[in-house]
PDB file of N, CA and C in Angstrom:
ATOM      1  N   MET A   1      -0.673-126.034 221.842  1.00  0.00           N
ATOM      2  CA  MET A   1      -1.929-126.654 222.218  1.00  0.00           C
ATOM      3  C   MET A   1      -3.015-126.203 221.242  1.00  0.00           C
ATOM      4  N   GLN A   2      -3.906-127.101 220.904  1.00  0.00           N
ATOM      5  CA  GLN A   2      -5.012-126.790 220.007  1.00  0.00           C
ATOM      6  C   GLN A   2      -5.969-125.793 220.654  1.00  0.00           C
ATOM      7  N   LYS A   3      -6.512-124.889 219.853  1.00  0.00           N
ATOM      8  CA  LYS A   3      -7.530-123.960 220.340  1.00  0.00           C
ATOM      9  C   LYS A   3      -8.861-124.695 220.346  1.00  0.00           C
ATOM     10  N   LEU A   4      -9.544-124.692 221.470  1.00  0.00           N
ATOM     11  CA  LEU A   4     -10.819-125.381 221.590  1.00  0.00           C
ATOM     12  C   LEU A   4     -11.952-124.520 221.047  1.00  0.00           C
ATOM     13  N   ARG A   5     -12.990-125.159 220.535  1.00  0.00           N
ATOM     14  CA  ARG A   5     -14.109-124.436 219.932  1.00  0.00           C
ATOM     15  C   ARG A   5     -14.985-123.744 220.962  1.00  0.00           C
ATOM     16  N   ILE A   6     -15.057-124.301 222.154  1.00  0.00           N
ATOM     17  CA  ILE A   6     -15.870-123.699 223.202  1.00  0.00           C
ATOM     18  C   ILE A   6     -14.937-122.865 224.065  1.00  0.00           C
ATOM     19  N   GLY A   7     -15.219-121.575 224.163  1.00  0.00           N
ATOM     20  CA  GLY A   7     -14.383-120.680 224.960  1.00  0.00           C
ATOM     21  C   GLY A   7     -15.141-120.190 226.166  1.00  0.00           C
ATOM     22  N   GLU A   8     -15.386-118.907 226.202  1.00  0.00           N
ATOM     23  CA  GLU A   8     -16.127-118.314 227.305  1.00  0.00           C
ATOM     24  C   GLU A   8     -17.563-118.827 227.308  1.00  0.00           C
ATOM     25  N   LEU A   9     -18.066-119.154 228.482  1.00  0.00           N
ATOM     26  CA  LEU A   9     -19.444-119.601 228.606  1.00  0.00           C
ATOM     27  C   LEU A   9     -20.331-118.388 228.860  1.00  0.00           C
ATOM     28  N   PRO A  10     -21.395-118.239 228.070  1.00  0.00           N
ATOM     29  CA  PRO A  10     -22.270-117.075 228.257  1.00  0.00           C
ATOM     30  C   PRO A  10     -23.014-117.148 229.575  1.00  0.00           C
ATOM     31  N   ASP A  11     -23.269-115.994 230.154  1.00  0.00           N
ATOM     32  CA  ASP A  11     -24.050-115.905 231.386  1.00  0.00           C
ATOM     33  C   ASP A  11     -25.486-115.626 230.970  1.00  0.00           C
ATOM     34  N   ASP A  12     -26.301-116.665 230.943  1.00  0.00           N
ATOM     35  CA  ASP A  12     -27.669-116.566 230.454  1.00  0.00           C
ATOM     36  C   ASP A  12     -28.590-117.231 231.464  1.00  0.00           C
ATOM     37  N   LYS A  13     -29.856-116.820 231.472  1.00  0.00           N
ATOM     38  CA  LYS A  13     -30.817-117.432 232.381  1.00  0.00           C
ATOM     39  C   LYS A  13     -31.050-118.880 231.942  1.00  0.00           C
ATOM     40  N   PRO A  14     -30.744-119.823 232.799  1.00  0.00           N
ATOM     41  CA  PRO A  14     -30.852-121.228 232.406  1.00  0.00           C
ATOM     42  C   PRO A  14     -32.277-121.775 232.483  1.00  0.00           C
ATOM     43  N   VAL A  15     -32.492-122.832 231.736  1.00  0.00           N
ATOM     44  CA  VAL A  15     -33.717-123.623 231.793  1.00  0.00           C
ATOM     45  C   VAL A  15     -33.272-125.004 232.236  1.00  0.00           C
ATOM     46  N   LYS A  16     -33.874-125.528 233.292  1.00  0.00           N
ATOM     47  CA  LYS A  16     -33.447-126.818 233.826  1.00  0.00           C
ATOM     48  C   LYS A  16     -33.943-127.952 232.941  1.00  0.00           C
ATOM     49  N   VAL A  17     -33.006-128.823 232.559  1.00  0.00           N
ATOM     50  CA  VAL A  17     -33.299-130.008 231.774  1.00  0.00           C
ATOM     51  C   VAL A  17     -32.622-131.186 232.457  1.00  0.00           C
ATOM     52  N   THR A  18     -33.349-132.262 232.629  1.00  0.00           N
ATOM     53  CA  THR A  18     -32.782-133.460 233.222  1.00  0.00           C
ATOM     54  C   THR A  18     -32.697-134.533 232.149  1.00  0.00           C
ATOM     55  N   THR A  19     -31.513-135.115 232.001  1.00  0.00           N
ATOM     56  CA  THR A  19     -31.311-136.146 230.994  1.00  0.00           C
ATOM     57  C   THR A  19     -30.234-137.109 231.452  1.00  0.00           C
ATOM     58  N   GLU A  20     -30.121-138.216 230.755  1.00  0.00           N
ATOM     59  CA  GLU A  20     -29.056-139.171 231.017  1.00  0.00           C
ATOM     60  C   GLU A  20     -28.082-139.130 229.854  1.00  0.00           C
ATOM     61  N   LEU A  21     -26.803-139.222 230.162  1.00  0.00           N
ATOM     62  CA  LEU A  21     -25.754-139.241 229.149  1.00  0.00           C
ATOM     63  C   LEU A  21     -25.044-140.585 229.193  1.00  0.00           C
ATOM     64  N   PRO A  22     -24.603-141.053 228.041  1.00  0.00           N
ATOM     65  CA  PRO A  22     -23.743-142.243 228.066  1.00  0.00           C
ATOM     66  C   PRO A  22     -22.476-141.933 228.862  1.00  0.00           C
ATOM     67  N   ALA A  23     -21.946-142.933 229.527  1.00  0.00           N
ATOM     68  CA  ALA A  23     -20.749-142.735 230.353  1.00  0.00           C
ATOM     69  C   ALA A  23     -19.594-142.169 229.533  1.00  0.00           C
ATOM     70  N   ALA A  24     -19.451-142.618 228.292  1.00  0.00           N
ATOM     71  CA  ALA A  24     -18.350-142.123 227.449  1.00  0.00           C
ATOM     72  C   ALA A  24     -18.489-140.628 227.174  1.00  0.00           C
ATOM     73  N   VAL A  25     -19.713-140.158 226.977  1.00  0.00           N
ATOM     74  CA  VAL A  25     -19.938-138.728 226.744  1.00  0.00           C
ATOM     75  C   VAL A  25     -19.585-137.944 228.002  1.00  0.00           C
ATOM     76  N   HIS A  26     -19.984-138.448 229.160  1.00  0.00           N
ATOM     77  CA  HIS A  26     -19.666-137.776 230.417  1.00  0.00           C
ATOM     78  C   HIS A  26     -18.161-137.706 230.628  1.00  0.00           C
ATOM     79  N   ARG A  27     -17.466-138.804 230.342  1.00  0.00           N
ATOM     80  CA  ARG A  27     -16.000-138.786 230.473  1.00  0.00           C
ATOM     81  C   ARG A  27     -15.383-137.760 229.531  1.00  0.00           C
ATOM     82  N   ASP A  28     -15.921-137.664 228.316  1.00  0.00           N
ATOM     83  CA  ASP A  28     -15.392-136.677 227.370  1.00  0.00           C
ATOM     84  C   ASP A  28     -15.675-135.251 227.824  1.00  0.00           C
ATOM     85  N   LEU A  29     -16.829-135.012 228.435  1.00  0.00           N
ATOM     86  CA  LEU A  29     -17.116-133.679 228.978  1.00  0.00           C
ATOM     87  C   LEU A  29     -16.112-133.316 230.068  1.00  0.00           C
ATOM     88  N   ILE A  30     -15.807-134.271 230.918  1.00  0.00           N
ATOM     89  CA  ILE A  30     -14.827-134.034 231.977  1.00  0.00           C
ATOM     90  C   ILE A  30     -13.456-133.740 231.364  1.00  0.00           C
ATOM     91  N   ALA A  31     -13.078-134.515 230.355  1.00  0.00           N
ATOM     92  CA  ALA A  31     -11.788-134.299 229.688  1.00  0.00           C
ATOM     93  C   ALA A  31     -11.755-132.938 228.999  1.00  0.00           C
ATOM     94  N   TYR A  32     -12.862-132.539 228.374  1.00  0.00           N
ATOM     95  CA  TYR A  32     -12.931-131.236 227.694  1.00  0.00           C
ATOM     96  C   TYR A  32     -12.796-130.106 228.718  1.00  0.00           C
ATOM     97  N   ALA A  33     -13.486-130.236 229.845  1.00  0.00           N
ATOM     98  CA  ALA A  33     -13.388-129.220 230.897  1.00  0.00           C
ATOM     99  C   ALA A  33     -11.953-129.110 231.401  1.00  0.00           C
ATOM    100  N   GLU A  34     -11.274-130.241 231.516  1.00  0.00           N
ATOM    101  CA  GLU A  34      -9.877-130.226 231.953  1.00  0.00           C
ATOM    102  C   GLU A  34      -8.999-129.544 230.907  1.00  0.00           C
ATOM    103  N   ALA A  35      -9.262-129.803 229.627  1.00  0.00           N
ATOM    104  CA  ALA A  35      -8.502-129.146 228.563  1.00  0.00           C
ATOM    105  C   ALA A  35      -8.719-127.633 228.599  1.00  0.00           C
ATOM    106  N   LEU A  36      -9.957-127.210 228.845  1.00  0.00           N
ATOM    107  CA  LEU A  36     -10.239-125.777 228.969  1.00  0.00           C
ATOM    108  C   LEU A  36      -9.488-125.180 230.151  1.00  0.00           C
ATOM    109  N   ARG A  37      -9.465-125.906 231.264  1.00  0.00           N
ATOM    110  CA  ARG A  37      -8.760-125.417 232.448  1.00  0.00           C
ATOM    111  C   ARG A  37      -7.280-125.234 232.129  1.00  0.00           C
ATOM    112  N   ARG A  38      -6.694-126.201 231.444  1.00  0.00           N
ATOM    113  CA  ARG A  38      -5.273-126.116 231.097  1.00  0.00           C
ATOM    114  C   ARG A  38      -5.009-124.983 230.114  1.00  0.00           C
ATOM    115  N   GLN A  39      -5.940-124.779 229.202  1.00  0.00           N
ATOM    116  CA  GLN A  39      -5.756-123.746 228.182  1.00  0.00           C
ATOM    117  C   GLN A  39      -5.970-122.346 228.741  1.00  0.00           C
ATOM    118  N   GLY A  40      -7.014-122.171 229.540  1.00  0.00           N
ATOM    119  CA  GLY A  40      -7.351-120.833 230.006  1.00  0.00           C
ATOM    120  C   GLY A  40      -7.151-120.586 231.478  1.00  0.00           C
ATOM    121  N   GLY A  41      -6.884-121.633 232.225  1.00  0.00           N
ATOM    122  CA  GLY A  41      -6.626-121.468 233.637  1.00  0.00           C
ATOM    123  C   GLY A  41      -7.846-121.374 234.523  1.00  0.00           C
ATOM    124  N   HIS A  42      -9.066-121.422 233.934  1.00  0.00           N
ATOM    125  CA  HIS A  42     -10.256-121.343 234.776  1.00  0.00           C
ATOM    126  C   HIS A  42     -10.962-122.692 234.816  1.00  0.00           C
ATOM    127  N   VAL A  43     -11.532-122.999 235.970  1.00  0.00           N
ATOM    128  CA  VAL A  43     -12.229-124.263 236.179  1.00  0.00           C
ATOM    129  C   VAL A  43     -13.641-124.131 235.620  1.00  0.00           C
ATOM    130  N   VAL A  44     -14.058-125.128 234.839  1.00  0.00           N
ATOM    131  CA  VAL A  44     -15.379-125.146 234.227  1.00  0.00           C
ATOM    132  C   VAL A  44     -16.093-126.422 234.653  1.00  0.00           C
ATOM    133  N   ASP A  45     -17.333-126.287 235.088  1.00  0.00           N
ATOM    134  CA  ASP A  45     -18.167-127.443 235.387  1.00  0.00           C
ATOM    135  C   ASP A  45     -18.468-128.148 234.068  1.00  0.00           C
ATOM    136  N   PRO A  46     -18.121-129.426 233.931  1.00  0.00           N
ATOM    137  CA  PRO A  46     -18.351-130.127 232.669  1.00  0.00           C
ATOM    138  C   PRO A  46     -19.798-130.057 232.181  1.00  0.00           C
ATOM    139  N   ILE A  47     -20.742-130.045 233.078  1.00  0.00           N
ATOM    140  CA  ILE A  47     -22.153-129.994 232.694  1.00  0.00           C
ATOM    141  C   ILE A  47     -22.469-128.668 232.003  1.00  0.00           C
ATOM    142  N   LYS A  48     -21.767-127.609 232.379  1.00  0.00           N
ATOM    143  CA  LYS A  48     -22.001-126.295 231.764  1.00  0.00           C
ATOM    144  C   LYS A  48     -21.511-126.242 230.315  1.00  0.00           C
ATOM    145  N   LEU A  49     -20.799-127.245 229.877  1.00  0.00           N
ATOM    146  CA  LEU A  49     -20.335-127.296 228.487  1.00  0.00           C
ATOM    147  C   LEU A  49     -21.420-127.772 227.525  1.00  0.00           C
ATOM    148  N   ILE A  50     -22.406-128.472 228.038  1.00  0.00           N
ATOM    149  CA  ILE A  50     -23.422-129.085 227.173  1.00  0.00           C
ATOM    150  C   ILE A  50     -24.156-128.036 226.350  1.00  0.00           C
ATOM    151  N   ALA A  51     -24.629-126.977 226.967  1.00  0.00           N
ATOM    152  CA  ALA A  51     -25.413-125.962 226.244  1.00  0.00           C
ATOM    153  C   ALA A  51     -24.610-125.292 225.128  1.00  0.00           C
ATOM    154  N   PRO A  52     -23.375-124.799 225.389  1.00  0.00           N
ATOM    155  CA  PRO A  52     -22.646-124.185 224.283  1.00  0.00           C
ATOM    156  C   PRO A  52     -22.284-125.182 223.182  1.00  0.00           C
ATOM    157  N   MET A  53     -22.068-126.432 223.549  1.00  0.00           N
ATOM    158  CA  MET A  53     -21.774-127.441 222.530  1.00  0.00           C
ATOM    159  C   MET A  53     -22.992-127.699 221.651  1.00  0.00           C
ATOM    160  N   LEU A  54     -24.161-127.809 222.272  1.00  0.00           N
ATOM    161  CA  LEU A  54     -25.391-127.988 221.498  1.00  0.00           C
ATOM    162  C   LEU A  54     -25.673-126.769 220.626  1.00  0.00           C
ATOM    163  N   THR A  55     -25.445-125.590 221.183  1.00  0.00           N
ATOM    164  CA  THR A  55     -25.655-124.354 220.430  1.00  0.00           C
ATOM    165  C   THR A  55     -24.769-124.325 219.193  1.00  0.00           C
ATOM    166  N   ARG A  56     -23.519-124.645 219.376  1.00  0.00           N
ATOM    167  CA  ARG A  56     -22.586-124.648 218.243  1.00  0.00           C
ATOM    168  C   ARG A  56     -22.966-125.710 217.219  1.00  0.00           C
ATOM    169  N   PHE A  57     -23.344-126.876 217.698  1.00  0.00           N
ATOM    170  CA  PHE A  57     -23.748-127.948 216.797  1.00  0.00           C
ATOM    171  C   PHE A  57     -24.934-127.510 215.937  1.00  0.00           C
ATOM    172  N   MET A  58     -25.958-126.959 216.564  1.00  0.00           N
ATOM    173  CA  MET A  58     -27.149-126.549 215.810  1.00  0.00           C
ATOM    174  C   MET A  58     -26.846-125.382 214.881  1.00  0.00           C
ATOM    175  N   ALA A  59     -25.960-124.475 215.305  1.00  0.00           N
ATOM    176  CA  ALA A  59     -25.612-123.322 214.470  1.00  0.00           C
ATOM    177  C   ALA A  59     -24.841-123.739 213.222  1.00  0.00           C
ATOM    178  N   THR A  60     -24.128-124.853 213.295  1.00  0.00           N
ATOM    179  CA  THR A  60     -23.321-125.282 212.154  1.00  0.00           C
ATOM    180  C   THR A  60     -23.967-126.419 211.366  1.00  0.00           C
ATOM    181  N   ASP A  61     -25.166-126.832 211.755  1.00  0.00           N
ATOM    182  CA  ASP A  61     -25.883-127.888 211.032  1.00  0.00           C
ATOM    183  C   ASP A  61     -26.616-127.251 209.854  1.00  0.00           C
ATOM    184  N   ARG A  62     -26.115-127.452 208.658  1.00  0.00           N
ATOM    185  CA  ARG A  62     -26.674-126.800 207.469  1.00  0.00           C
ATOM    186  C   ARG A  62     -28.122-127.191 207.223  1.00  0.00           C
ATOM    187  N   GLY A  63     -28.453-128.454 207.433  1.00  0.00           N
ATOM    188  CA  GLY A  63     -29.835-128.899 207.231  1.00  0.00           C
ATOM    189  C   GLY A  63     -30.792-128.205 208.183  1.00  0.00           C
ATOM    190  N   PHE A  64     -30.398-128.096 209.439  1.00  0.00           N
ATOM    191  CA  PHE A  64     -31.240-127.431 210.429  1.00  0.00           C
ATOM    192  C   PHE A  64     -31.372-125.946 210.106  1.00  0.00           C
ATOM    193  N   SER A  65     -30.256-125.321 209.719  1.00  0.00           N
ATOM    194  CA  SER A  65     -30.299-123.896 209.359  1.00  0.00           C
ATOM    195  C   SER A  65     -31.244-123.652 208.190  1.00  0.00           C
ATOM    196  N   LYS A  66     -31.207-124.536 207.214  1.00  0.00           N
ATOM    197  CA  LYS A  66     -32.090-124.400 206.053  1.00  0.00           C
ATOM    198  C   LYS A  66     -33.552-124.530 206.464  1.00  0.00           C
ATOM    199  N   LEU A  67     -33.854-125.506 207.313  1.00  0.00           N
ATOM    200  CA  LEU A  67     -35.228-125.667 207.797  1.00  0.00           C
ATOM    201  C   LEU A  67     -35.700-124.425 208.543  1.00  0.00           C
ATOM    202  N   LYS A  68     -34.824-123.839 209.359  1.00  0.00           N
ATOM    203  CA  LYS A  68     -35.179-122.621 210.090  1.00  0.00           C
ATOM    204  C   LYS A  68     -35.454-121.471 209.128  1.00  0.00           C
ATOM    205  N   ARG A  69     -34.579-121.299 208.122  1.00  0.00           N
ATOM    206  CA  ARG A  69     -34.767-120.215 207.152  1.00  0.00           C
ATOM    207  C   ARG A  69     -36.086-120.373 206.389  1.00  0.00           C
ATOM    208  N   GLU A  70     -36.446-121.615 206.091  1.00  0.00           N
ATOM    209  CA  GLU A  70     -37.670-121.881 205.344  1.00  0.00           C
ATOM    210  C   GLU A  70     -38.911-121.862 206.217  1.00  0.00           C
ATOM    211  N   GLY A  71     -38.727-121.669 207.514  1.00  0.00           N
ATOM    212  CA  GLY A  71     -39.867-121.575 208.430  1.00  0.00           C
ATOM    213  C   GLY A  71     -40.453-122.922 208.842  1.00  0.00           C
ATOM    214  N   HIS A  72     -39.700-123.995 208.681  1.00  0.00           N
ATOM    215  CA  HIS A  72     -40.205-125.317 209.033  1.00  0.00           C
ATOM    216  C   HIS A  72     -39.981-125.677 210.500  1.00  0.00           C
ATOM    217  N   VAL A  73     -39.266-124.862 211.214  1.00  0.00           N
ATOM    218  CA  VAL A  73     -39.087-125.041 212.657  1.00  0.00           C
ATOM    219  C   VAL A  73     -39.331-123.695 213.312  1.00  0.00           C
ATOM    220  N   PRO A  74     -39.883-123.687 214.528  1.00  0.00           N
ATOM    221  CA  PRO A  74     -40.135-122.399 215.192  1.00  0.00           C
ATOM    222  C   PRO A  74     -38.839-121.641 215.463  1.00  0.00           C
ATOM    223  N   ALA A  75     -38.914-120.339 215.384  1.00  0.00           N
ATOM    224  CA  ALA A  75     -37.763-119.503 215.732  1.00  0.00           C
ATOM    225  C   ALA A  75     -37.537-119.585 217.236  1.00  0.00           C
ATOM    226  N   ALA A  76     -36.357-119.194 217.678  1.00  0.00           N
ATOM    227  CA  ALA A  76     -36.038-119.232 219.110  1.00  0.00           C
ATOM    228  C   ALA A  76     -37.089-118.452 219.889  1.00  0.00           C
ATOM    229  N   GLY A  77     -37.561-119.071 220.954  1.00  0.00           N
ATOM    230  CA  GLY A  77     -38.543-118.419 221.810  1.00  0.00           C
ATOM    231  C   GLY A  77     -39.981-118.733 221.453  1.00  0.00           C
ATOM    232  N   GLU A  78     -40.235-119.302 220.278  1.00  0.00           N
ATOM    233  CA  GLU A  78     -41.595-119.664 219.886  1.00  0.00           C
ATOM    234  C   GLU A  78     -41.896-121.091 220.326  1.00  0.00           C
ATOM    235  N   GLY A  79     -43.157-121.365 220.558  1.00  0.00           N
ATOM    236  CA  GLY A  79     -43.597-122.719 220.843  1.00  0.00           C
ATOM    237  C   GLY A  79     -43.177-123.253 222.189  1.00  0.00           C
ATOM    238  N   GLN A  80     -42.868-122.365 223.138  1.00  0.00           N
ATOM    239  CA  GLN A  80     -42.463-122.831 224.455  1.00  0.00           C
ATOM    240  C   GLN A  80     -43.634-122.872 225.396  1.00  0.00           C
TER     241      GLN A  80
END
């Protein structure tokens, strides 16, 4: 079985965000949660996958990382 990129979910103080997702994205979140359950044996709420997926996406986006290094976007915790 393929190793999934999202593993353990961090226990962090959440910030509530309300949004709408396309149905296909929601179905994929459910499928991803099921794959995690099969791989690791623990049940994961599909909605809890959104934050680590976004975190990983932003961490691996070279353009965004460059903007952050150059100071063109606020550092984490600023501007809230």
